[in-house]
Amino acid sequence: MLSSAAPLGLGDTQTYRLRATLRGITDPTELAVRLRDRATVTRWSGHRSDFIKHRAAFNGTLAAVDAATSLDPRERGVGAQVLIRRLELFRENVGT
């Protein structure tokens, strides 16, 4: 949702709850804490699949989440700034 994409595999109730939760988060650190341990290592090989193009289009938000949980304070700061902008855009687009 923060990447302006509809979440895949969620029903109406889960989508509503996710939207409400994201509207309430103003601190990127809180978002990073909630997303902790969400990632698993996956290896991809590139091809012309529409799925791969779709995933790559939203890579910026995922990179920001990863940066916000970095041990390097500069990376954390950059990740936090991007997440702040994403959260603000999300709240503007769904209304408060």
PDB file of N, CA and C in Angstrom:
ATOM      1  N   MET A   1       0.820  -1.200   0.000  1.00  0.00           N
ATOM      2  CA  MET A   1       0.000   0.000   0.000  1.00  0.00           C
ATOM      3  C   MET A   1       0.864   1.265   0.000  1.00  0.00           C
ATOM      4  N   LEU A   2       1.974   1.229   0.728  1.00  0.00           N
ATOM      5  CA  LEU A   2       2.847   2.406   0.746  1.00  0.00           C
ATOM      6  C   LEU A   2       3.491   2.641  -0.603  1.00  0.00           C
ATOM      7  N   SER A   3       3.543   1.617  -1.422  1.00  0.00           N
ATOM      8  CA  SER A   3       4.098   1.737  -2.762  1.00  0.00           C
ATOM      9  C   SER A   3       3.014   2.049  -3.786  1.00  0.00           C
ATOM     10  N   SER A   4       1.834   2.407  -3.322  1.00  0.00           N
ATOM     11  CA  SER A   4       0.690   2.708  -4.185  1.00  0.00           C
ATOM     12  C   SER A   4       0.233   1.493  -4.975  1.00  0.00           C
ATOM     13  N   ALA A   5       0.347   0.315  -4.369  1.00  0.00           N
ATOM     14  CA  ALA A   5      -0.108  -0.905  -5.024  1.00  0.00           C
ATOM     15  C   ALA A   5      -1.116  -1.600  -4.117  1.00  0.00           C
ATOM     16  N   ALA A   6      -2.055  -2.259  -4.727  1.00  0.00           N
ATOM     17  CA  ALA A   6      -3.027  -3.024  -3.949  1.00  0.00           C
ATOM     18  C   ALA A   6      -2.328  -4.243  -3.356  1.00  0.00           C
ATOM     19  N   PRO A   7      -2.572  -4.522  -2.090  1.00  0.00           N
ATOM     20  CA  PRO A   7      -1.946  -5.703  -1.484  1.00  0.00           C
ATOM     21  C   PRO A   7      -2.526  -6.980  -2.084  1.00  0.00           C
ATOM     22  N   LEU A   8      -1.658  -7.918  -2.372  1.00  0.00           N
ATOM     23  CA  LEU A   8      -2.095  -9.171  -2.972  1.00  0.00           C
ATOM     24  C   LEU A   8      -2.467 -10.169  -1.884  1.00  0.00           C
ATOM     25  N   GLY A   9      -3.550 -10.879  -2.079  1.00  0.00           N
ATOM     26  CA  GLY A   9      -3.916 -11.960  -1.185  1.00  0.00           C
ATOM     27  C   GLY A   9      -4.612 -11.549   0.101  1.00  0.00           C
ATOM     28  N   LEU A  10      -5.002 -10.285   0.235  1.00  0.00           N
ATOM     29  CA  LEU A  10      -5.708  -9.851   1.433  1.00  0.00           C
ATOM     30  C   LEU A  10      -7.190  -9.676   1.129  1.00  0.00           C
ATOM     31  N   GLY A  11      -8.023 -10.063   2.070  1.00  0.00           N
ATOM     32  CA  GLY A  11      -9.456  -9.842   1.942  1.00  0.00           C
ATOM     33  C   GLY A  11      -9.802  -8.414   2.311  1.00  0.00           C
ATOM     34  N   ASP A  12     -11.064  -8.080   2.214  1.00  0.00           N
ATOM     35  CA  ASP A  12     -11.518  -6.713   2.514  1.00  0.00           C
ATOM     36  C   ASP A  12     -11.224  -6.317   3.961  1.00  0.00           C
ATOM     37  N   THR A  13     -11.456  -7.224   4.893  1.00  0.00           N
ATOM     38  CA  THR A  13     -11.239  -6.917   6.307  1.00  0.00           C
ATOM     39  C   THR A  13      -9.764  -6.667   6.598  1.00  0.00           C
ATOM     40  N   GLN A  14      -8.903  -7.529   6.076  1.00  0.00           N
ATOM     41  CA  GLN A  14      -7.469  -7.362   6.306  1.00  0.00           C
ATOM     42  C   GLN A  14      -6.950  -6.089   5.644  1.00  0.00           C
ATOM     43  N   THR A  15      -7.453  -5.792   4.452  1.00  0.00           N
ATOM     44  CA  THR A  15      -7.055  -4.565   3.759  1.00  0.00           C
ATOM     45  C   THR A  15      -7.484  -3.343   4.554  1.00  0.00           C
ATOM     46  N   TYR A  16      -8.699  -3.350   5.101  1.00  0.00           N
ATOM     47  CA  TYR A  16      -9.193  -2.244   5.916  1.00  0.00           C
ATOM     48  C   TYR A  16      -8.309  -2.056   7.151  1.00  0.00           C
ATOM     49  N   ARG A  17      -7.982  -3.155   7.824  1.00  0.00           N
ATOM     50  CA  ARG A  17      -7.147  -3.068   9.030  1.00  0.00           C
ATOM     51  C   ARG A  17      -5.754  -2.560   8.708  1.00  0.00           C
ATOM     52  N   LEU A  18      -5.182  -3.039   7.611  1.00  0.00           N
ATOM     53  CA  LEU A  18      -3.851  -2.572   7.205  1.00  0.00           C
ATOM     54  C   LEU A  18      -3.877  -1.086   6.903  1.00  0.00           C
ATOM     55  N   ARG A  19      -4.890  -0.631   6.171  1.00  0.00           N
ATOM     56  CA  ARG A  19      -5.013   0.790   5.830  1.00  0.00           C
ATOM     57  C   ARG A  19      -5.140   1.635   7.106  1.00  0.00           C
ATOM     58  N   ALA A  20      -5.942   1.183   8.049  1.00  0.00           N
ATOM     59  CA  ALA A  20      -6.129   1.915   9.306  1.00  0.00           C
ATOM     60  C   ALA A  20      -4.832   1.959  10.109  1.00  0.00           C
ATOM     61  N   THR A  21      -4.112   0.859  10.135  1.00  0.00           N
ATOM     62  CA  THR A  21      -2.845   0.819  10.866  1.00  0.00           C
ATOM     63  C   THR A  21      -1.830   1.765  10.237  1.00  0.00           C
ATOM     64  N   LEU A  22      -1.720   1.740   8.924  1.00  0.00           N
ATOM     65  CA  LEU A  22      -0.758   2.616   8.241  1.00  0.00           C
ATOM     66  C   LEU A  22      -1.111   4.091   8.419  1.00  0.00           C
ATOM     67  N   ARG A  23      -2.412   4.395   8.436  1.00  0.00           N
ATOM     68  CA  ARG A  23      -2.823   5.789   8.665  1.00  0.00           C
ATOM     69  C   ARG A  23      -2.365   6.279  10.032  1.00  0.00           C
ATOM     70  N   GLY A  24      -2.337   5.386  11.006  1.00  0.00           N
ATOM     71  CA  GLY A  24      -1.986   5.768  12.371  1.00  0.00           C
ATOM     72  C   GLY A  24      -0.490   5.845  12.636  1.00  0.00           C
ATOM     73  N   ILE A  25       0.329   5.334  11.748  1.00  0.00           N
ATOM     74  CA  ILE A  25       1.781   5.355  11.966  1.00  0.00           C
ATOM     75  C   ILE A  25       2.351   6.653  11.428  1.00  0.00           C
ATOM     76  N   THR A  26       3.025   7.384  12.288  1.00  0.00           N
ATOM     77  CA  THR A  26       3.679   8.631  11.861  1.00  0.00           C
ATOM     78  C   THR A  26       5.188   8.559  12.010  1.00  0.00           C
ATOM     79  N   ASP A  27       5.666   7.611  12.778  1.00  0.00           N
ATOM     80  CA  ASP A  27       7.093   7.472  13.043  1.00  0.00           C
ATOM     81  C   ASP A  27       7.651   6.310  12.215  1.00  0.00           C
ATOM     82  N   PRO A  28       8.632   6.570  11.335  1.00  0.00           N
ATOM     83  CA  PRO A  28       9.168   5.491  10.514  1.00  0.00           C
ATOM     84  C   PRO A  28       9.826   4.386  11.339  1.00  0.00           C
ATOM     85  N   THR A  29      10.299   4.720  12.533  1.00  0.00           N
ATOM     86  CA  THR A  29      10.893   3.700  13.393  1.00  0.00           C
ATOM     87  C   THR A  29       9.836   2.689  13.809  1.00  0.00           C
ATOM     88  N   GLU A  30       8.627   3.165  14.102  1.00  0.00           N
ATOM     89  CA  GLU A  30       7.538   2.257  14.455  1.00  0.00           C
ATOM     90  C   GLU A  30       7.222   1.324  13.288  1.00  0.00           C
ATOM     91  N   LEU A  31       7.204   1.876  12.074  1.00  0.00           N
ATOM     92  CA  LEU A  31       6.948   1.051  10.906  1.00  0.00           C
ATOM     93  C   LEU A  31       8.050   0.003  10.744  1.00  0.00           C
ATOM     94  N   ALA A  32       9.300   0.419  10.910  1.00  0.00           N
ATOM     95  CA  ALA A  32      10.422  -0.514  10.771  1.00  0.00           C
ATOM     96  C   ALA A  32      10.338  -1.623  11.822  1.00  0.00           C
ATOM     97  N   VAL A  33       9.974  -1.281  13.053  1.00  0.00           N
ATOM     98  CA  VAL A  33       9.847  -2.285  14.111  1.00  0.00           C
ATOM     99  C   VAL A  33       8.734  -3.276  13.770  1.00  0.00           C
ATOM    100  N   ARG A  34       7.618  -2.779  13.260  1.00  0.00           N
ATOM    101  CA  ARG A  34       6.510  -3.662  12.913  1.00  0.00           C
ATOM    102  C   ARG A  34       6.857  -4.588  11.746  1.00  0.00           C
ATOM    103  N   LEU A  35       7.771  -4.155  10.893  1.00  0.00           N
ATOM    104  CA  LEU A  35       8.150  -4.957   9.733  1.00  0.00           C
ATOM    105  C   LEU A  35       9.392  -5.801   9.978  1.00  0.00           C
ATOM    106  N   ARG A  36       9.916  -5.756  11.193  1.00  0.00           N
ATOM    107  CA  ARG A  36      11.108  -6.530  11.527  1.00  0.00           C
ATOM    108  C   ARG A  36      10.857  -8.011  11.269  1.00  0.00           C
ATOM    109  N   ASP A  37      11.863  -8.683  10.821  1.00  0.00           N
ATOM    110  CA  ASP A  37      11.818 -10.119  10.537  1.00  0.00           C
ATOM    111  C   ASP A  37      10.813 -10.491   9.449  1.00  0.00           C
ATOM    112  N   ARG A  38      10.459  -9.556   8.597  1.00  0.00           N
ATOM    113  CA  ARG A  38       9.509  -9.836   7.530  1.00  0.00           C
ATOM    114  C   ARG A  38      10.191 -10.413   6.300  1.00  0.00           C
ATOM    115  N   ALA A  39      11.499 -10.246   6.197  1.00  0.00           N
ATOM    116  CA  ALA A  39      12.184 -10.616   4.971  1.00  0.00           C
ATOM    117  C   ALA A  39      12.803 -12.001   5.049  1.00  0.00           C
ATOM    118  N   THR A  40      12.817 -12.641   3.926  1.00  0.00           N
ATOM    119  CA  THR A  40      13.566 -13.876   3.753  1.00  0.00           C
ATOM    120  C   THR A  40      14.418 -13.710   2.502  1.00  0.00           C
ATOM    121  N   VAL A  41      15.536 -14.366   2.473  1.00  0.00           N
ATOM    122  CA  VAL A  41      16.430 -14.258   1.326  1.00  0.00           C
ATOM    123  C   VAL A  41      15.882 -15.112   0.200  1.00  0.00           C
ATOM    124  N   THR A  42      15.741 -14.494  -0.961  1.00  0.00           N
ATOM    125  CA  THR A  42      15.263 -15.179  -2.147  1.00  0.00           C
ATOM    126  C   THR A  42      16.144 -14.784  -3.320  1.00  0.00           C
ATOM    127  N   ARG A  43      16.482 -15.718  -4.135  1.00  0.00           N
ATOM    128  CA  ARG A  43      17.277 -15.424  -5.327  1.00  0.00           C
ATOM    129  C   ARG A  43      16.364 -15.473  -6.543  1.00  0.00           C
ATOM    130  N   TRP A  44      16.485 -14.443  -7.388  1.00  0.00           N
ATOM    131  CA  TRP A  44      15.669 -14.350  -8.591  1.00  0.00           C
ATOM    132  C   TRP A  44      16.582 -14.342  -9.814  1.00  0.00           C
ATOM    133  N   SER A  45      16.135 -14.936 -10.887  1.00  0.00           N
ATOM    134  CA  SER A  45      16.806 -14.703 -12.151  1.00  0.00           C
ATOM    135  C   SER A  45      15.856 -13.903 -13.010  1.00  0.00           C
ATOM    136  N   GLY A  46      16.434 -12.918 -13.664  1.00  0.00           N
ATOM    137  CA  GLY A  46      15.595 -11.999 -14.428  1.00  0.00           C
ATOM    138  C   GLY A  46      15.109 -12.588 -15.743  1.00  0.00           C
ATOM    139  N   HIS A  47      13.906 -12.234 -16.093  1.00  0.00           N
ATOM    140  CA  HIS A  47      13.334 -12.550 -17.396  1.00  0.00           C
ATOM    141  C   HIS A  47      12.247 -11.528 -17.673  1.00  0.00           C
ATOM    142  N   ARG A  48      11.557 -11.665 -18.759  1.00  0.00           N
ATOM    143  CA  ARG A  48      10.607 -10.633 -19.186  1.00  0.00           C
ATOM    144  C   ARG A  48       9.220 -10.771 -18.561  1.00  0.00           C
ATOM    145  N   SER A  49       9.077 -11.482 -17.504  1.00  0.00           N
ATOM    146  CA  SER A  49       7.790 -11.723 -16.840  1.00  0.00           C
ATOM    147  C   SER A  49       7.172 -10.419 -16.346  1.00  0.00           C
ATOM    148  N   ASP A  50       5.904 -10.239 -16.479  1.00  0.00           N
ATOM    149  CA  ASP A  50       5.192  -9.066 -15.946  1.00  0.00           C
ATOM    150  C   ASP A  50       5.321  -9.001 -14.453  1.00  0.00           C
ATOM    151  N   PHE A  51       5.358 -10.241 -13.725  1.00  0.00           N
ATOM    152  CA  PHE A  51       5.500 -10.307 -12.277  1.00  0.00           C
ATOM    153  C   PHE A  51       6.806  -9.667 -11.830  1.00  0.00           C
ATOM    154  N   ILE A  52       7.928  -9.956 -12.536  1.00  0.00           N
ATOM    155  CA  ILE A  52       9.234  -9.406 -12.169  1.00  0.00           C
ATOM    156  C   ILE A  52       9.230  -7.892 -12.353  1.00  0.00           C
ATOM    157  N   LYS A  53       8.656  -7.419 -13.429  1.00  0.00           N
ATOM    158  CA  LYS A  53       8.581  -5.964 -13.655  1.00  0.00           C
ATOM    159  C   LYS A  53       7.756  -5.297 -12.550  1.00  0.00           C
ATOM    160  N   HIS A  54       6.669  -5.943 -12.147  1.00  0.00           N
ATOM    161  CA  HIS A  54       5.815  -5.412 -11.080  1.00  0.00           C
ATOM    162  C   HIS A  54       6.593  -5.315  -9.765  1.00  0.00           C
ATOM    163  N   ARG A  55       7.340  -6.368  -9.421  1.00  0.00           N
ATOM    164  CA  ARG A  55       8.118  -6.362  -8.180  1.00  0.00           C
ATOM    165  C   ARG A  55       9.178  -5.262  -8.201  1.00  0.00           C
ATOM    166  N   ALA A  56       9.850  -5.106  -9.316  1.00  0.00           N
ATOM    167  CA  ALA A  56      10.918  -4.109  -9.416  1.00  0.00           C
ATOM    168  C   ALA A  56      10.375  -2.694  -9.292  1.00  0.00           C
ATOM    169  N   ALA A  57       9.159  -2.456  -9.734  1.00  0.00           N
ATOM    170  CA  ALA A  57       8.583  -1.107  -9.682  1.00  0.00           C
ATOM    171  C   ALA A  57       8.403  -0.616  -8.253  1.00  0.00           C
ATOM    172  N   PHE A  58       8.245  -1.525  -7.299  1.00  0.00           N
ATOM    173  CA  PHE A  58       7.992  -1.141  -5.919  1.00  0.00           C
ATOM    174  C   PHE A  58       9.189  -1.397  -5.011  1.00  0.00           C
ATOM    175  N   ASN A  59      10.346  -1.552  -5.615  1.00  0.00           N
ATOM    176  CA  ASN A  59      11.558  -1.855  -4.872  1.00  0.00           C
ATOM    177  C   ASN A  59      11.988  -0.718  -3.944  1.00  0.00           C
ATOM    178  N   GLY A  60      11.666   0.531  -4.280  1.00  0.00           N
ATOM    179  CA  GLY A  60      12.093   1.663  -3.462  1.00  0.00           C
ATOM    180  C   GLY A  60      11.568   1.607  -2.039  1.00  0.00           C
ATOM    181  N   THR A  61      10.322   1.231  -1.870  1.00  0.00           N
ATOM    182  CA  THR A  61       9.751   1.137  -0.532  1.00  0.00           C
ATOM    183  C   THR A  61      10.405   0.003   0.244  1.00  0.00           C
ATOM    184  N   LEU A  62      10.603  -1.128  -0.418  1.00  0.00           N
ATOM    185  CA  LEU A  62      11.257  -2.248   0.260  1.00  0.00           C
ATOM    186  C   LEU A  62      12.689  -1.889   0.646  1.00  0.00           C
ATOM    187  N   ALA A  63      13.389  -1.190  -0.220  1.00  0.00           N
ATOM    188  CA  ALA A  63      14.755  -0.764   0.098  1.00  0.00           C
ATOM    189  C   ALA A  63      14.753   0.191   1.280  1.00  0.00           C
ATOM    190  N   ALA A  64      13.757   1.063   1.361  1.00  0.00           N
ATOM    191  CA  ALA A  64      13.665   2.006   2.481  1.00  0.00           C
ATOM    192  C   ALA A  64      13.418   1.279   3.791  1.00  0.00           C
ATOM    193  N   VAL A  65      12.579   0.249   3.768  1.00  0.00           N
ATOM    194  CA  VAL A  65      12.330  -0.540   4.984  1.00  0.00           C
ATOM    195  C   VAL A  65      13.626  -1.214   5.435  1.00  0.00           C
ATOM    196  N   ASP A  66      14.349  -1.793   4.480  1.00  0.00           N
ATOM    197  CA  ASP A  66      15.610  -2.436   4.819  1.00  0.00           C
ATOM    198  C   ASP A  66      16.616  -1.425   5.360  1.00  0.00           C
ATOM    199  N   ALA A  67      16.696  -0.255   4.737  1.00  0.00           N
ATOM    200  CA  ALA A  67      17.629   0.775   5.198  1.00  0.00           C
ATOM    201  C   ALA A  67      17.250   1.273   6.592  1.00  0.00           C
ATOM    202  N   ALA A  68      15.966   1.394   6.869  1.00  0.00           N
ATOM    203  CA  ALA A  68      15.513   1.901   8.172  1.00  0.00           C
ATOM    204  C   ALA A  68      15.855   0.959   9.318  1.00  0.00           C
ATOM    205  N   THR A  69      16.155  -0.293   9.002  1.00  0.00           N
ATOM    206  CA  THR A  69      16.530  -1.247  10.043  1.00  0.00           C
ATOM    207  C   THR A  69      18.030  -1.543  10.036  1.00  0.00           C
ATOM    208  N   SER A  70      18.782  -0.762   9.280  1.00  0.00           N
ATOM    209  CA  SER A  70      20.224  -0.968   9.165  1.00  0.00           C
ATOM    210  C   SER A  70      20.946  -0.596  10.461  1.00  0.00           C
ATOM    211  N   LEU A  71      22.109  -1.176  10.652  1.00  0.00           N
ATOM    212  CA  LEU A  71      22.948  -0.806  11.796  1.00  0.00           C
ATOM    213  C   LEU A  71      23.675   0.513  11.555  1.00  0.00           C
ATOM    214  N   ASP A  72      23.807   0.898  10.302  1.00  0.00           N
ATOM    215  CA  ASP A  72      24.476   2.157   9.944  1.00  0.00           C
ATOM    216  C   ASP A  72      23.501   3.318  10.145  1.00  0.00           C
ATOM    217  N   PRO A  73      23.854   4.295  10.998  1.00  0.00           N
ATOM    218  CA  PRO A  73      22.920   5.395  11.264  1.00  0.00           C
ATOM    219  C   PRO A  73      22.588   6.228  10.032  1.00  0.00           C
ATOM    220  N   ARG A  74      23.526   6.345   9.094  1.00  0.00           N
ATOM    221  CA  ARG A  74      23.221   7.110   7.868  1.00  0.00           C
ATOM    222  C   ARG A  74      22.183   6.395   7.024  1.00  0.00           C
ATOM    223  N   GLU A  75      22.339   5.085   6.887  1.00  0.00           N
ATOM    224  CA  GLU A  75      21.345   4.318   6.136  1.00  0.00           C
ATOM    225  C   GLU A  75      19.986   4.370   6.819  1.00  0.00           C
ATOM    226  N   ARG A  76      19.984   4.245   8.156  1.00  0.00           N
ATOM    227  CA  ARG A  76      18.711   4.332   8.896  1.00  0.00           C
ATOM    228  C   ARG A  76      18.032   5.664   8.649  1.00  0.00           C
ATOM    229  N   GLY A  77      18.831   6.748   8.643  1.00  0.00           N
ATOM    230  CA  GLY A  77      18.267   8.075   8.414  1.00  0.00           C
ATOM    231  C   GLY A  77      17.642   8.215   7.036  1.00  0.00           C
ATOM    232  N   VAL A  78      18.343   7.729   6.024  1.00  0.00           N
ATOM    233  CA  VAL A  78      17.814   7.794   4.656  1.00  0.00           C
ATOM    234  C   VAL A  78      16.550   6.945   4.543  1.00  0.00           C
ATOM    235  N   GLY A  79      16.595   5.744   5.095  1.00  0.00           N
ATOM    236  CA  GLY A  79      15.417   4.885   5.068  1.00  0.00           C
ATOM    237  C   GLY A  79      14.240   5.539   5.774  1.00  0.00           C
ATOM    238  N   ALA A  80      14.497   6.153   6.916  1.00  0.00           N
ATOM    239  CA  ALA A  80      13.434   6.820   7.674  1.00  0.00           C
ATOM    240  C   ALA A  80      12.836   7.973   6.876  1.00  0.00           C
ATOM    241  N   GLN A  81      13.679   8.748   6.196  1.00  0.00           N
ATOM    242  CA  GLN A  81      13.168   9.873   5.396  1.00  0.00           C
ATOM    243  C   GLN A  81      12.247   9.386   4.278  1.00  0.00           C
ATOM    244  N   VAL A  82      12.645   8.327   3.599  1.00  0.00           N
ATOM    245  CA  VAL A  82      11.813   7.783   2.524  1.00  0.00           C
ATOM    246  C   VAL A  82      10.497   7.253   3.091  1.00  0.00           C
ATOM    247  N   LEU A  83      10.566   6.547   4.228  1.00  0.00           N
ATOM    248  CA  LEU A  83       9.340   6.017   4.823  1.00  0.00           C
ATOM    249  C   LEU A  83       8.412   7.130   5.298  1.00  0.00           C
ATOM    250  N   ILE A  84       8.969   8.213   5.817  1.00  0.00           N
ATOM    251  CA  ILE A  84       8.139   9.359   6.215  1.00  0.00           C
ATOM    252  C   ILE A  84       7.370   9.876   5.011  1.00  0.00           C
ATOM    253  N   ARG A  85       8.076  10.051   3.870  1.00  0.00           N
ATOM    254  CA  ARG A  85       7.402  10.537   2.655  1.00  0.00           C
ATOM    255  C   ARG A  85       6.337   9.551   2.187  1.00  0.00           C
ATOM    256  N   ARG A  86       6.644   8.247   2.230  1.00  0.00           N
ATOM    257  CA  ARG A  86       5.678   7.237   1.803  1.00  0.00           C
ATOM    258  C   ARG A  86       4.443   7.240   2.698  1.00  0.00           C
ATOM    259  N   LEU A  87       4.650   7.351   4.022  1.00  0.00           N
ATOM    260  CA  LEU A  87       3.522   7.388   4.956  1.00  0.00           C
ATOM    261  C   LEU A  87       2.671   8.628   4.729  1.00  0.00           C
ATOM    262  N   GLU A  88       3.317   9.779   4.494  1.00  0.00           N
ATOM    263  CA  GLU A  88       2.570  11.023   4.237  1.00  0.00           C
ATOM    264  C   GLU A  88       1.748  10.897   2.959  1.00  0.00           C
ATOM    265  N   LEU A  89       2.361  10.381   1.885  1.00  0.00           N
ATOM    266  CA  LEU A  89       1.638  10.193   0.634  1.00  0.00           C
ATOM    267  C   LEU A  89       0.472   9.221   0.801  1.00  0.00           C
ATOM    268  N   PHE A  90       0.712   8.177   1.564  1.00  0.00           N
ATOM    269  CA  PHE A  90      -0.355   7.200   1.801  1.00  0.00           C
ATOM    270  C   PHE A  90      -1.533   7.860   2.496  1.00  0.00           C
ATOM    271  N   ARG A  91      -1.242   8.620   3.568  1.00  0.00           N
ATOM    272  CA  ARG A  91      -2.326   9.276   4.313  1.00  0.00           C
ATOM    273  C   ARG A  91      -3.056  10.292   3.436  1.00  0.00           C
ATOM    274  N   GLU A  92      -2.334  11.003   2.571  1.00  0.00           N
ATOM    275  CA  GLU A  92      -2.979  11.972   1.671  1.00  0.00           C
ATOM    276  C   GLU A  92      -3.918  11.269   0.679  1.00  0.00           C
ATOM    277  N   ASN A  93      -3.498  10.101   0.213  1.00  0.00           N
ATOM    278  CA  ASN A  93      -4.281   9.394  -0.815  1.00  0.00           C
ATOM    279  C   ASN A  93      -5.485   8.644  -0.266  1.00  0.00           C
ATOM    280  N   VAL A  94      -5.436   8.205   1.003  1.00  0.00           N
ATOM    281  CA  VAL A  94      -6.574   7.465   1.555  1.00  0.00           C
ATOM    282  C   VAL A  94      -7.431   8.340   2.450  1.00  0.00           C
ATOM    283  N   GLY A  95      -6.968   9.535   2.765  1.00  0.00           N
ATOM    284  CA  GLY A  95      -7.729  10.407   3.651  1.00  0.00           C
ATOM    285  C   GLY A  95      -7.510  10.020   5.100  1.00  0.00           C
ATOM    286  N   THR A  96      -7.709  10.960   5.981  1.00  0.00           N
ATOM    287  CA  THR A  96      -7.506  10.675   7.412  1.00  0.00           C
ATOM    288  C   THR A  96      -8.792  10.735   8.169  1.00  0.00           C
TER     289      THR A  96
END
